[in-house]
Amino acid sequence: MEVAQKFNGKYGNFTIVQDVYVTLVEEEWRVMWDYGE
């Protein structure tokens, strides 16, 4: 799923958009994302 986070900061406004994945680990849902460049 594609997720967008919007930030309003001291140096301006910006949005980070990244793909986020979920997986079931030992009967609990975990959120994962790629740290790669």
N, C-alpha and C. Protein backbone atom coordinates (compact mmCIF):
# COMPACT_ATOMS: atom_id res chain seq x y z
N MET A 1 0.85 -1.15 0.00
CA MET A 1 0.00 0.00 0.00
C MET A 1 0.90 1.23 0.00
N GLU A 2 0.54 2.23 -0.76
CA GLU A 2 1.28 3.47 -0.78
C GLU A 2 0.77 4.39 0.33
N VAL A 3 1.69 4.93 1.12
CA VAL A 3 1.34 5.79 2.25
C VAL A 3 2.03 7.13 2.07
N ALA A 4 1.31 8.21 2.36
CA ALA A 4 1.87 9.56 2.30
C ALA A 4 1.76 10.19 3.68
N GLN A 5 2.89 10.74 4.16
CA GLN A 5 2.91 11.46 5.43
C GLN A 5 3.21 12.91 5.13
N LYS A 6 2.38 13.80 5.65
CA LYS A 6 2.57 15.23 5.44
C LYS A 6 3.14 15.86 6.70
N PHE A 7 4.15 16.72 6.51
CA PHE A 7 4.80 17.39 7.62
C PHE A 7 4.76 18.90 7.39
N ASN A 8 4.45 19.63 8.43
CA ASN A 8 4.50 21.08 8.41
C ASN A 8 5.54 21.48 9.45
N GLY A 9 6.69 21.95 8.98
CA GLY A 9 7.77 22.23 9.90
C GLY A 9 8.29 23.65 9.81
N LYS A 10 9.27 23.89 10.60
CA LYS A 10 9.92 25.19 10.69
C LYS A 10 10.49 25.63 9.34
N TYR A 11 10.96 24.68 8.54
CA TYR A 11 11.61 25.00 7.27
C TYR A 11 10.72 24.75 6.05
N GLY A 12 9.43 24.55 6.28
CA GLY A 12 8.50 24.38 5.16
C GLY A 12 7.66 23.12 5.30
N ASN A 13 6.85 22.90 4.30
CA ASN A 13 5.96 21.75 4.27
C ASN A 13 6.49 20.73 3.26
N PHE A 14 6.35 19.46 3.60
CA PHE A 14 6.75 18.42 2.66
C PHE A 14 5.95 17.15 2.91
N THR A 15 5.96 16.28 1.92
CA THR A 15 5.24 15.01 1.99
C THR A 15 6.20 13.88 1.65
N ILE A 16 6.21 12.84 2.47
CA ILE A 16 6.99 11.64 2.19
C ILE A 16 6.01 10.57 1.71
N VAL A 17 6.30 10.00 0.54
CA VAL A 17 5.46 8.94 -0.01
C VAL A 17 6.31 7.68 -0.12
N GLN A 18 5.82 6.57 0.43
CA GLN A 18 6.56 5.32 0.36
C GLN A 18 5.60 4.14 0.38
N ASP A 19 6.10 3.01 -0.13
CA ASP A 19 5.32 1.76 -0.08
C ASP A 19 5.50 1.13 1.29
N VAL A 20 4.40 0.67 1.88
CA VAL A 20 4.41 0.03 3.18
C VAL A 20 3.73 -1.33 3.02
N TYR A 21 4.27 -2.32 3.69
CA TYR A 21 3.75 -3.69 3.60
C TYR A 21 3.34 -4.17 4.99
N VAL A 22 2.39 -5.08 5.05
CA VAL A 22 2.02 -5.71 6.32
C VAL A 22 2.15 -7.22 6.16
N THR A 23 2.49 -7.86 7.26
CA THR A 23 2.62 -9.31 7.26
C THR A 23 2.16 -9.84 8.62
N LEU A 24 1.72 -11.06 8.63
CA LEU A 24 1.26 -11.70 9.85
C LEU A 24 2.41 -12.50 10.45
N VAL A 25 2.84 -12.13 11.68
CA VAL A 25 3.93 -12.81 12.36
C VAL A 25 3.42 -13.31 13.70
N GLU A 26 3.40 -14.61 13.85
CA GLU A 26 2.94 -15.23 15.10
C GLU A 26 1.60 -14.65 15.55
N GLU A 27 0.64 -14.61 14.64
CA GLU A 27 -0.73 -14.16 14.88
C GLU A 27 -0.83 -12.67 15.22
N GLU A 28 0.18 -11.88 14.86
CA GLU A 28 0.14 -10.44 15.08
C GLU A 28 0.56 -9.73 13.79
N TRP A 29 -0.20 -8.71 13.38
CA TRP A 29 0.13 -7.97 12.17
C TRP A 29 1.29 -7.03 12.42
N ARG A 30 2.25 -7.01 11.49
CA ARG A 30 3.42 -6.15 11.57
C ARG A 30 3.50 -5.28 10.32
N VAL A 31 3.88 -4.03 10.50
CA VAL A 31 4.06 -3.11 9.39
C VAL A 31 5.53 -3.12 9.00
N MET A 32 5.80 -3.18 7.68
CA MET A 32 7.18 -3.19 7.19
C MET A 32 7.31 -2.16 6.08
N TRP A 33 8.52 -1.62 5.92
CA TRP A 33 8.81 -0.74 4.80
C TRP A 33 10.26 -0.92 4.41
N ASP A 34 10.58 -0.48 3.21
CA ASP A 34 11.91 -0.66 2.65
C ASP A 34 12.79 0.53 3.01
N TYR A 35 13.93 0.27 3.67
CA TYR A 35 14.89 1.32 4.00
C TYR A 35 15.90 1.56 2.88
N GLY A 36 15.83 0.74 1.82
CA GLY A 36 16.79 0.87 0.72
C GLY A 36 16.69 2.21 0.01
N GLU A 37 17.74 2.52 -0.71
CA GLU A 37 17.77 3.80 -1.43
C GLU A 37 17.16 3.66 -2.80
